[in-house]
Amino acid sequence: MAESYSDGRTADDEFQEQFLNDKTLKFAGAAVAVLFTLIVGLFIGAIIFTQVDFELFVEIIYPQFVEAYLLVLGIFLVGSFLSIIAGIFVGLGRVSKTRITNTVASGYVEFFRGTPLLFQLIIIFFGIPAFWPPGEFPISNWAVPAAIIGLTLNHAAYVGEAVRGGINAVPEGQMEAARSLGMSYVQSMREVVLPQAWRNALAAIGNDQVILVKDTSLLTVIAVPELISAFRQINSATFDPWTPILLVAIAYLGITLPLGKVVRYLEARSEWGGDRR
């Protein structure tokens, strides 16, 4: 039994007041953050100054990594655009009251969320050309189109679920009010529900697009000459892993960090009363 004091407090209450108060927890959080930053900073610094060959670093930037970076950026931009467009339709299908539409959309989401992206890429890259006789597949450089198709189909499922959640978060009264004004179902969705659903889903969609950038690293398996492929080639030729690894990290962060800022800017603009300048 916990020890009681004359004022009715227990030893546990005394401990929480002394060590689990806001000031103590704030200090502990700041200390952990500083310690973690220091450890990571020392680790990165040790790698840069002891493992990285700066002459090789400058030598391999162009053309290997510049070309790989531009290819990854292009695949991301096309895949991102197509996955968001397709995901909106998937989300609409998921909330459709038509049984067959809802069933097909649900099956699509379950398959592409339930199987690995790498598995899907292998099916598209190796499986589709198998329908043609050997050597007669009409697309000679199939790796990049297969990559875009695979990333689009996979991430459309996640965008669709984000859109579905965004639509379900809009109060039903919004649709009823729009219909009472004489709008059709399509007009009500386009003019009233979807703008609010987009606001609700924006954070999840933005996070998925960051994941899409990182998923491009899997494309090395289907012979797309992206960043990981460039790393593997240089590491095999020089037996120096850390120099190309540093370039790979810089290249990915060069896409994901600005993308994160764009998403946060759009979130701020979409908030009620947000800064729209």
C-alpha atoms as a PDB file:
ATOM      1  CA  MET A   1       0.000   0.000   0.000  1.00  0.00           C
ATOM      2  CA  ALA A   2       1.352   3.391  -0.982  1.00  0.00           C
ATOM      3  CA  GLU A   3       2.522   5.649   1.867  1.00  0.00           C
ATOM      4  CA  SER A   4       0.062   8.468   2.615  1.00  0.00           C
ATOM      5  CA  TYR A   5       0.864  11.988   3.791  1.00  0.00           C
ATOM      6  CA  SER A   6      -1.146  14.137   6.181  1.00  0.00           C
ATOM      7  CA  ASP A   7      -2.708  16.061   3.263  1.00  0.00           C
ATOM      8  CA  GLY A   8      -4.002  12.824   1.689  1.00  0.00           C
ATOM      9  CA  ARG A   9      -1.367  12.589  -1.062  1.00  0.00           C
ATOM     10  CA  THR A  10       0.521   9.364  -1.668  1.00  0.00           C
ATOM     11  CA  ALA A  11       4.197   8.781  -2.465  1.00  0.00           C
ATOM     12  CA  ASP A  12       3.221   8.234  -6.095  1.00  0.00           C
ATOM     13  CA  ASP A  13       1.591  11.656  -6.192  1.00  0.00           C
ATOM     14  CA  GLU A  14       4.730  13.215  -4.707  1.00  0.00           C
ATOM     15  CA  PHE A  15       6.923  11.445  -7.256  1.00  0.00           C
ATOM     16  CA  GLN A  16       4.750  12.619 -10.171  1.00  0.00           C
ATOM     17  CA  GLU A  17       4.790  16.208  -8.918  1.00  0.00           C
ATOM     18  CA  GLN A  18       8.579  16.201  -8.630  1.00  0.00           C
ATOM     19  CA  PHE A  19       9.648  14.244 -11.694  1.00  0.00           C
ATOM     20  CA  LEU A  20       6.678  13.982 -14.100  1.00  0.00           C
ATOM     21  CA  ASN A  21       5.704  17.632 -14.247  1.00  0.00           C
ATOM     22  CA  ASP A  22       5.643  19.669 -17.449  1.00  0.00           C
ATOM     23  CA  LYS A  23       8.995  21.341 -16.816  1.00  0.00           C
ATOM     24  CA  THR A  24      10.840  18.080 -16.178  1.00  0.00           C
ATOM     25  CA  LEU A  25       9.323  16.300 -19.169  1.00  0.00           C
ATOM     26  CA  LYS A  26      10.093  19.259 -21.431  1.00  0.00           C
ATOM     27  CA  PHE A  27      13.721  19.260 -20.265  1.00  0.00           C
ATOM     28  CA  ALA A  28      14.001  15.470 -20.717  1.00  0.00           C
ATOM     29  CA  GLY A  29      12.593  15.713 -24.232  1.00  0.00           C
ATOM     30  CA  ALA A  30      15.023  18.475 -25.155  1.00  0.00           C
ATOM     31  CA  ALA A  31      17.946  16.517 -23.683  1.00  0.00           C
ATOM     32  CA  VAL A  32      17.062  13.383 -25.653  1.00  0.00           C
ATOM     33  CA  ALA A  33      16.696  15.435 -28.857  1.00  0.00           C
ATOM     34  CA  VAL A  34      20.086  17.105 -28.347  1.00  0.00           C
ATOM     35  CA  LEU A  35      21.770  13.792 -27.525  1.00  0.00           C
ATOM     36  CA  PHE A  36      20.264  12.102 -30.583  1.00  0.00           C
ATOM     37  CA  THR A  37      21.303  15.000 -32.828  1.00  0.00           C
ATOM     38  CA  LEU A  38      24.833  14.931 -31.415  1.00  0.00           C
ATOM     39  CA  ILE A  39      25.210  11.168 -31.973  1.00  0.00           C
ATOM     40  CA  VAL A  40      23.870  11.343 -35.531  1.00  0.00           C
ATOM     41  CA  GLY A  41      25.991  14.402 -36.293  1.00  0.00           C
ATOM     42  CA  LEU A  42      29.156  12.735 -35.020  1.00  0.00           C
ATOM     43  CA  PHE A  43      28.382   9.578 -36.987  1.00  0.00           C
ATOM     44  CA  ILE A  44      27.786  11.495 -40.230  1.00  0.00           C
ATOM     45  CA  GLY A  45      30.846  13.656 -39.640  1.00  0.00           C
ATOM     46  CA  ALA A  46      33.028  10.609 -39.034  1.00  0.00           C
ATOM     47  CA  ILE A  47      31.805   9.062 -42.288  1.00  0.00           C
ATOM     48  CA  ILE A  48      32.332  12.229 -44.330  1.00  0.00           C
ATOM     49  CA  PHE A  49      35.840  12.930 -43.058  1.00  0.00           C
ATOM     50  CA  THR A  50      37.142   9.355 -42.853  1.00  0.00           C
ATOM     51  CA  GLN A  51      35.296   7.351 -45.500  1.00  0.00           C
ATOM     52  CA  VAL A  52      34.338   9.697 -48.342  1.00  0.00           C
ATOM     53  CA  ASP A  53      36.737  10.181 -51.250  1.00  0.00           C
ATOM     54  CA  PHE A  54      36.054  13.755 -52.358  1.00  0.00           C
ATOM     55  CA  GLU A  55      37.940  13.356 -55.630  1.00  0.00           C
ATOM     56  CA  LEU A  56      35.729  10.388 -56.512  1.00  0.00           C
ATOM     57  CA  PHE A  57      32.709  12.323 -55.231  1.00  0.00           C
ATOM     58  CA  VAL A  58      33.283  15.109 -57.770  1.00  0.00           C
ATOM     59  CA  GLU A  59      34.152  12.647 -60.530  1.00  0.00           C
ATOM     60  CA  ILE A  60      30.947  10.584 -60.279  1.00  0.00           C
ATOM     61  CA  ILE A  61      28.467  13.438 -59.930  1.00  0.00           C
ATOM     62  CA  TYR A  62      28.257  13.841 -63.683  1.00  0.00           C
ATOM     63  CA  PRO A  63      27.080  12.073 -65.699  1.00  0.00           C
ATOM     64  CA  GLN A  64      26.193   9.036 -63.569  1.00  0.00           C
ATOM     65  CA  PHE A  65      24.335  10.619 -60.670  1.00  0.00           C
ATOM     66  CA  VAL A  66      22.949  13.642 -62.494  1.00  0.00           C
ATOM     67  CA  GLU A  67      21.358  11.398 -65.119  1.00  0.00           C
ATOM     68  CA  ALA A  68      20.043   9.006 -62.451  1.00  0.00           C
ATOM     69  CA  TYR A  69      18.666  11.905 -60.401  1.00  0.00           C
ATOM     70  CA  LEU A  70      16.876  13.430 -63.383  1.00  0.00           C
ATOM     71  CA  LEU A  71      15.403  10.047 -64.292  1.00  0.00           C
ATOM     72  CA  VAL A  72      14.119   9.490 -60.737  1.00  0.00           C
ATOM     73  CA  LEU A  73      12.685  13.006 -60.671  1.00  0.00           C
ATOM     74  CA  GLY A  74      10.914  12.480 -63.996  1.00  0.00           C
ATOM     75  CA  ILE A  75       9.487   9.103 -62.941  1.00  0.00           C
ATOM     76  CA  PHE A  76       8.306  10.626 -59.670  1.00  0.00           C
ATOM     77  CA  LEU A  77       6.591  13.593 -61.325  1.00  0.00           C
ATOM     78  CA  VAL A  78       4.744  11.453 -63.863  1.00  0.00           C
ATOM     79  CA  GLY A  79       3.907   8.728 -61.335  1.00  0.00           C
ATOM     80  CA  SER A  80       2.763  11.259 -58.753  1.00  0.00           C
ATOM     81  CA  PHE A  81       0.436  13.032 -61.180  1.00  0.00           C
ATOM     82  CA  LEU A  82      -1.078   9.810 -62.504  1.00  0.00           C
ATOM     83  CA  SER A  83      -1.430   8.183 -59.069  1.00  0.00           C
ATOM     84  CA  ILE A  84      -3.271  11.185 -57.641  1.00  0.00           C
ATOM     85  CA  ILE A  85      -5.652  11.377 -60.610  1.00  0.00           C
ATOM     86  CA  ALA A  86      -6.282   7.615 -60.536  1.00  0.00           C
ATOM     87  CA  GLY A  87      -6.517   7.649 -56.737  1.00  0.00           C
ATOM     88  CA  ILE A  88      -9.326  10.203 -56.810  1.00  0.00           C
ATOM     89  CA  PHE A  89     -11.367   7.855 -59.011  1.00  0.00           C
ATOM     90  CA  VAL A  90     -10.508   4.904 -56.776  1.00  0.00           C
ATOM     91  CA  GLY A  91     -11.655   6.865 -53.740  1.00  0.00           C
ATOM     92  CA  LEU A  92     -14.894   7.807 -55.462  1.00  0.00           C
ATOM     93  CA  GLY A  93     -15.402   4.150 -56.327  1.00  0.00           C
ATOM     94  CA  ARG A  94     -14.842   3.177 -52.698  1.00  0.00           C
ATOM     95  CA  VAL A  95     -17.684   5.432 -51.521  1.00  0.00           C
ATOM     96  CA  SER A  96     -19.969   4.607 -54.451  1.00  0.00           C
ATOM     97  CA  LYS A  97     -23.356   3.129 -53.573  1.00  0.00           C
ATOM     98  CA  THR A  98     -23.269   1.076 -56.775  1.00  0.00           C
ATOM     99  CA  ARG A  99     -22.359  -2.429 -55.681  1.00  0.00           C
ATOM    100  CA  ILE A 100     -20.196  -3.425 -58.649  1.00  0.00           C
ATOM    101  CA  THR A 101     -18.271  -0.125 -58.627  1.00  0.00           C
ATOM    102  CA  ASN A 102     -17.616  -0.382 -54.893  1.00  0.00           C
ATOM    103  CA  THR A 103     -16.626  -4.048 -55.181  1.00  0.00           C
ATOM    104  CA  VAL A 104     -14.165  -3.464 -58.017  1.00  0.00           C
ATOM    105  CA  ALA A 105     -12.604  -0.450 -56.264  1.00  0.00           C
ATOM    106  CA  SER A 106     -12.335  -2.382 -52.991  1.00  0.00           C
ATOM    107  CA  GLY A 107     -10.739  -5.364 -54.752  1.00  0.00           C
ATOM    108  CA  TYR A 108      -8.260  -3.036 -56.465  1.00  0.00           C
ATOM    109  CA  VAL A 109      -7.249  -1.478 -53.148  1.00  0.00           C
ATOM    110  CA  GLU A 110      -6.957  -4.823 -51.370  1.00  0.00           C
ATOM    111  CA  PHE A 111      -4.728  -6.283 -54.085  1.00  0.00           C
ATOM    112  CA  PHE A 112      -2.347  -3.360 -54.507  1.00  0.00           C
ATOM    113  CA  ARG A 113      -2.094  -2.667 -50.770  1.00  0.00           C
ATOM    114  CA  GLY A 114      -1.879  -6.355 -49.898  1.00  0.00           C
ATOM    115  CA  THR A 115       0.963  -7.345 -52.233  1.00  0.00           C
ATOM    116  CA  PRO A 116       4.514  -5.916 -52.249  1.00  0.00           C
ATOM    117  CA  LEU A 117       5.334  -3.207 -54.769  1.00  0.00           C
ATOM    118  CA  LEU A 118       8.352  -5.251 -55.869  1.00  0.00           C
ATOM    119  CA  PHE A 119       6.048  -8.161 -56.718  1.00  0.00           C
ATOM    120  CA  GLN A 120       3.836  -5.841 -58.772  1.00  0.00           C
ATOM    121  CA  LEU A 121       6.816  -4.401 -60.642  1.00  0.00           C
ATOM    122  CA  ILE A 122       8.055  -7.901 -61.492  1.00  0.00           C
ATOM    123  CA  ILE A 123       4.611  -8.878 -62.819  1.00  0.00           C
ATOM    124  CA  ILE A 124       4.463  -5.798 -65.045  1.00  0.00           C
ATOM    125  CA  PHE A 125       8.080  -5.868 -66.249  1.00  0.00           C
ATOM    126  CA  PHE A 126       8.404  -9.602 -66.884  1.00  0.00           C
ATOM    127  CA  GLY A 127       4.802 -10.747 -67.165  1.00  0.00           C
ATOM    128  CA  ILE A 128       3.315  -8.377 -69.731  1.00  0.00           C
ATOM    129  CA  PRO A 129       6.001  -8.922 -72.432  1.00  0.00           C
ATOM    130  CA  ALA A 130       5.444 -12.683 -72.026  1.00  0.00           C
ATOM    131  CA  PHE A 131       2.124 -12.334 -73.869  1.00  0.00           C
ATOM    132  CA  TRP A 132       4.113 -11.626 -77.058  1.00  0.00           C
ATOM    133  CA  PRO A 133       6.408 -14.067 -78.864  1.00  0.00           C
ATOM    134  CA  PRO A 134      10.078 -13.661 -77.864  1.00  0.00           C
ATOM    135  CA  GLY A 135      11.595 -10.524 -79.339  1.00  0.00           C
ATOM    136  CA  GLU A 136       8.285  -9.138 -80.648  1.00  0.00           C
ATOM    137  CA  PHE A 137       7.206  -6.970 -77.706  1.00  0.00           C
ATOM    138  CA  PRO A 138       6.506  -3.550 -79.296  1.00  0.00           C
ATOM    139  CA  ILE A 139       8.212  -1.408 -76.608  1.00  0.00           C
ATOM    140  CA  SER A 140      11.983  -1.688 -76.748  1.00  0.00           C
ATOM    141  CA  ASN A 141      12.806   0.217 -73.541  1.00  0.00           C
ATOM    142  CA  TRP A 142      10.098  -1.258 -71.336  1.00  0.00           C
ATOM    143  CA  ALA A 143      11.772  -0.651 -67.949  1.00  0.00           C
ATOM    144  CA  VAL A 144      10.799   3.015 -67.492  1.00  0.00           C
ATOM    145  CA  PRO A 145       7.156   2.636 -68.680  1.00  0.00           C
ATOM    146  CA  ALA A 146       6.836  -0.468 -66.472  1.00  0.00           C
ATOM    147  CA  ALA A 147       8.194   1.532 -63.523  1.00  0.00           C
ATOM    148  CA  ILE A 148       5.694   4.356 -64.041  1.00  0.00           C
ATOM    149  CA  ILE A 149       2.792   1.926 -64.458  1.00  0.00           C
ATOM    150  CA  GLY A 150       3.772  -0.028 -61.346  1.00  0.00           C
ATOM    151  CA  LEU A 151       4.233   3.029 -59.141  1.00  0.00           C
ATOM    152  CA  THR A 152       0.993   4.572 -60.423  1.00  0.00           C
ATOM    153  CA  LEU A 153      -1.113   1.476 -59.811  1.00  0.00           C
ATOM    154  CA  ASN A 154       0.364   0.887 -56.362  1.00  0.00           C
ATOM    155  CA  HIS A 155       0.118   4.411 -55.042  1.00  0.00           C
ATOM    156  CA  ALA A 156      -3.312   5.041 -56.577  1.00  0.00           C
ATOM    157  CA  ALA A 157      -4.601   2.495 -54.056  1.00  0.00           C
ATOM    158  CA  TYR A 158      -3.164   4.468 -51.127  1.00  0.00           C
ATOM    159  CA  VAL A 159      -4.331   7.806 -52.521  1.00  0.00           C
ATOM    160  CA  GLY A 160      -7.761   6.261 -53.062  1.00  0.00           C
ATOM    161  CA  GLU A 161      -7.980   5.239 -49.415  1.00  0.00           C
ATOM    162  CA  ALA A 162      -6.917   8.742 -48.352  1.00  0.00           C
ATOM    163  CA  VAL A 163      -9.616  10.237 -50.577  1.00  0.00           C
ATOM    164  CA  ARG A 164     -12.192   7.789 -49.208  1.00  0.00           C
ATOM    165  CA  GLY A 165     -11.304   8.782 -45.664  1.00  0.00           C
ATOM    166  CA  GLY A 166     -11.454  12.455 -46.617  1.00  0.00           C
ATOM    167  CA  ILE A 167     -14.909  12.051 -48.153  1.00  0.00           C
ATOM    168  CA  ASN A 168     -16.217  10.095 -45.148  1.00  0.00           C
ATOM    169  CA  ALA A 169     -14.948  12.873 -42.861  1.00  0.00           C
ATOM    170  CA  VAL A 170     -17.175  15.434 -44.596  1.00  0.00           C
ATOM    171  CA  PRO A 171     -20.493  15.713 -42.694  1.00  0.00           C
ATOM    172  CA  GLU A 172     -23.390  14.088 -44.533  1.00  0.00           C
ATOM    173  CA  GLY A 173     -25.341  17.320 -44.194  1.00  0.00           C
ATOM    174  CA  GLN A 174     -23.029  18.900 -46.776  1.00  0.00           C
ATOM    175  CA  MET A 175     -24.217  16.521 -49.500  1.00  0.00           C
ATOM    176  CA  GLU A 176     -27.839  16.827 -48.382  1.00  0.00           C
ATOM    177  CA  ALA A 177     -27.652  20.617 -48.443  1.00  0.00           C
ATOM    178  CA  ALA A 178     -26.138  20.600 -51.937  1.00  0.00           C
ATOM    179  CA  ARG A 179     -28.803  18.215 -53.237  1.00  0.00           C
ATOM    180  CA  SER A 180     -31.547  20.350 -51.691  1.00  0.00           C
ATOM    181  CA  LEU A 181     -30.244  23.287 -53.749  1.00  0.00           C
ATOM    182  CA  GLY A 182     -30.908  21.336 -56.918  1.00  0.00           C
ATOM    183  CA  MET A 183     -27.393  20.053 -57.575  1.00  0.00           C
ATOM    184  CA  SER A 184     -26.925  16.621 -59.076  1.00  0.00           C
ATOM    185  CA  TYR A 185     -24.851  14.000 -57.271  1.00  0.00           C
ATOM    186  CA  VAL A 186     -21.864  14.713 -59.526  1.00  0.00           C
ATOM    187  CA  GLN A 187     -22.177  18.478 -59.043  1.00  0.00           C
ATOM    188  CA  SER A 188     -22.495  18.058 -55.278  1.00  0.00           C
ATOM    189  CA  MET A 189     -19.370  15.900 -55.203  1.00  0.00           C
ATOM    190  CA  ARG A 190     -17.357  18.230 -57.436  1.00  0.00           C
ATOM    191  CA  GLU A 191     -18.416  21.556 -55.929  1.00  0.00           C
ATOM    192  CA  VAL A 192     -19.038  20.755 -52.266  1.00  0.00           C
ATOM    193  CA  VAL A 193     -17.726  17.411 -51.021  1.00  0.00           C
ATOM    194  CA  LEU A 194     -14.446  16.881 -52.881  1.00  0.00           C
ATOM    195  CA  PRO A 195     -12.905  20.291 -51.999  1.00  0.00           C
ATOM    196  CA  GLN A 196     -13.462  19.509 -48.312  1.00  0.00           C
ATOM    197  CA  ALA A 197     -12.355  15.893 -48.753  1.00  0.00           C
ATOM    198  CA  TRP A 198      -9.145  17.087 -50.399  1.00  0.00           C
ATOM    199  CA  ARG A 199      -8.409  19.243 -47.370  1.00  0.00           C
ATOM    200  CA  ASN A 200      -8.957  16.249 -45.080  1.00  0.00           C
ATOM    201  CA  ALA A 201      -6.852  13.896 -47.193  1.00  0.00           C
ATOM    202  CA  LEU A 202      -3.995  16.222 -48.088  1.00  0.00           C
ATOM    203  CA  ALA A 203      -1.614  15.162 -45.320  1.00  0.00           C
ATOM    204  CA  ALA A 204      -2.027  11.451 -46.112  1.00  0.00           C
ATOM    205  CA  ILE A 205      -1.648  12.055 -49.862  1.00  0.00           C
ATOM    206  CA  GLY A 206       1.465  14.173 -49.321  1.00  0.00           C
ATOM    207  CA  ASN A 207       3.001  11.490 -47.121  1.00  0.00           C
ATOM    208  CA  ASP A 208       2.269   8.891 -49.787  1.00  0.00           C
ATOM    209  CA  GLN A 209       4.028  10.974 -52.437  1.00  0.00           C
ATOM    210  CA  VAL A 210       7.153  11.120 -50.258  1.00  0.00           C
ATOM    211  CA  ILE A 211       6.989   7.325 -50.012  1.00  0.00           C
ATOM    212  CA  LEU A 212       6.637   7.182 -53.810  1.00  0.00           C
ATOM    213  CA  VAL A 213       9.998   8.963 -54.142  1.00  0.00           C
ATOM    214  CA  LYS A 214      11.664   6.388 -51.899  1.00  0.00           C
ATOM    215  CA  ASP A 215       9.934   3.514 -53.691  1.00  0.00           C
ATOM    216  CA  THR A 216      11.845   4.419 -56.841  1.00  0.00           C
ATOM    217  CA  SER A 217      14.816   2.675 -55.205  1.00  0.00           C
ATOM    218  CA  LEU A 218      13.095  -0.643 -56.009  1.00  0.00           C
ATOM    219  CA  LEU A 219      13.296   0.083 -59.714  1.00  0.00           C
ATOM    220  CA  THR A 220      16.888  -1.148 -59.811  1.00  0.00           C
ATOM    221  CA  VAL A 221      15.420  -4.679 -59.817  1.00  0.00           C
ATOM    222  CA  ILE A 222      13.777  -4.080 -63.219  1.00  0.00           C
ATOM    223  CA  ALA A 223      16.914  -2.516 -64.741  1.00  0.00           C
ATOM    224  CA  VAL A 224      15.926   1.132 -64.435  1.00  0.00           C
ATOM    225  CA  PRO A 225      19.207   3.122 -64.211  1.00  0.00           C
ATOM    226  CA  GLU A 226      18.161   5.084 -61.123  1.00  0.00           C
ATOM    227  CA  LEU A 227      20.139   6.157 -58.061  1.00  0.00           C
ATOM    228  CA  ILE A 228      20.601   2.754 -56.441  1.00  0.00           C
ATOM    229  CA  SER A 229      21.729   1.331 -59.783  1.00  0.00           C
ATOM    230  CA  ALA A 230      24.307   4.118 -60.036  1.00  0.00           C
ATOM    231  CA  PHE A 231      25.486   3.317 -56.497  1.00  0.00           C
ATOM    232  CA  ARG A 232      25.854  -0.385 -57.291  1.00  0.00           C
ATOM    233  CA  GLN A 233      27.861   0.292 -60.450  1.00  0.00           C
ATOM    234  CA  ILE A 234      30.260   2.693 -58.736  1.00  0.00           C
ATOM    235  CA  ASN A 235      30.654   0.512 -55.658  1.00  0.00           C
ATOM    236  CA  SER A 236      31.438  -2.504 -57.858  1.00  0.00           C
ATOM    237  CA  ALA A 237      34.064  -0.528 -59.782  1.00  0.00           C
ATOM    238  CA  THR A 238      35.751   1.265 -56.859  1.00  0.00           C
ATOM    239  CA  PHE A 239      34.904  -0.853 -53.760  1.00  0.00           C
ATOM    240  CA  ASP A 240      34.051   2.449 -52.080  1.00  0.00           C
ATOM    241  CA  PRO A 241      30.500   2.300 -50.671  1.00  0.00           C
ATOM    242  CA  TRP A 242      30.336   5.520 -48.661  1.00  0.00           C
ATOM    243  CA  THR A 243      31.116   8.032 -51.407  1.00  0.00           C
ATOM    244  CA  PRO A 244      28.227   6.991 -53.683  1.00  0.00           C
ATOM    245  CA  ILE A 245      25.977   6.413 -50.644  1.00  0.00           C
ATOM    246  CA  LEU A 246      26.450  10.070 -49.691  1.00  0.00           C
ATOM    247  CA  LEU A 247      25.418  11.138 -53.176  1.00  0.00           C
ATOM    248  CA  VAL A 248      22.357   8.879 -53.082  1.00  0.00           C
ATOM    249  CA  ALA A 249      21.280  10.412 -49.765  1.00  0.00           C
ATOM    250  CA  ILE A 250      21.758  13.952 -51.064  1.00  0.00           C
ATOM    251  CA  ALA A 251      19.794  13.126 -54.222  1.00  0.00           C
ATOM    252  CA  TYR A 252      16.810  11.646 -52.380  1.00  0.00           C
ATOM    253  CA  LEU A 253      16.742  14.450 -49.822  1.00  0.00           C
ATOM    254  CA  GLY A 254      16.929  16.908 -52.719  1.00  0.00           C
ATOM    255  CA  ILE A 255      13.478  15.649 -53.735  1.00  0.00           C
ATOM    256  CA  THR A 256      11.799  14.727 -50.451  1.00  0.00           C
ATOM    257  CA  LEU A 257      12.687  17.861 -48.448  1.00  0.00           C
ATOM    258  CA  PRO A 258      11.257  20.361 -50.987  1.00  0.00           C
ATOM    259  CA  LEU A 259       8.262  18.035 -51.457  1.00  0.00           C
ATOM    260  CA  GLY A 260       7.618  18.080 -47.723  1.00  0.00           C
ATOM    261  CA  LYS A 261       7.728  21.884 -47.702  1.00  0.00           C
ATOM    262  CA  VAL A 262       5.239  22.010 -50.589  1.00  0.00           C
ATOM    263  CA  VAL A 263       2.871  19.670 -48.747  1.00  0.00           C
ATOM    264  CA  ARG A 264       3.068  21.734 -45.542  1.00  0.00           C
ATOM    265  CA  TYR A 265       2.440  24.910 -47.561  1.00  0.00           C
ATOM    266  CA  LEU A 266      -0.626  23.377 -49.184  1.00  0.00           C
ATOM    267  CA  GLU A 267      -1.871  22.171 -45.799  1.00  0.00           C
ATOM    268  CA  ALA A 268      -1.537  25.700 -44.380  1.00  0.00           C
ATOM    269  CA  ARG A 269      -3.397  27.152 -47.355  1.00  0.00           C
ATOM    270  CA  SER A 270      -6.186  24.602 -47.099  1.00  0.00           C
ATOM    271  CA  GLU A 271      -6.905  25.225 -43.420  1.00  0.00           C
ATOM    272  CA  TRP A 272      -9.932  27.309 -42.569  1.00  0.00           C
ATOM    273  CA  GLY A 273      -8.709  30.878 -42.273  1.00  0.00           C
ATOM    274  CA  GLY A 274      -5.247  29.823 -43.461  1.00  0.00           C
ATOM    275  CA  ASP A 275      -2.791  32.169 -45.158  1.00  0.00           C
ATOM    276  CA  ARG A 276      -3.769  32.210 -48.855  1.00  0.00           C
ATOM    277  CA  ARG A 277      -1.254  34.789 -50.026  1.00  0.00           C
END
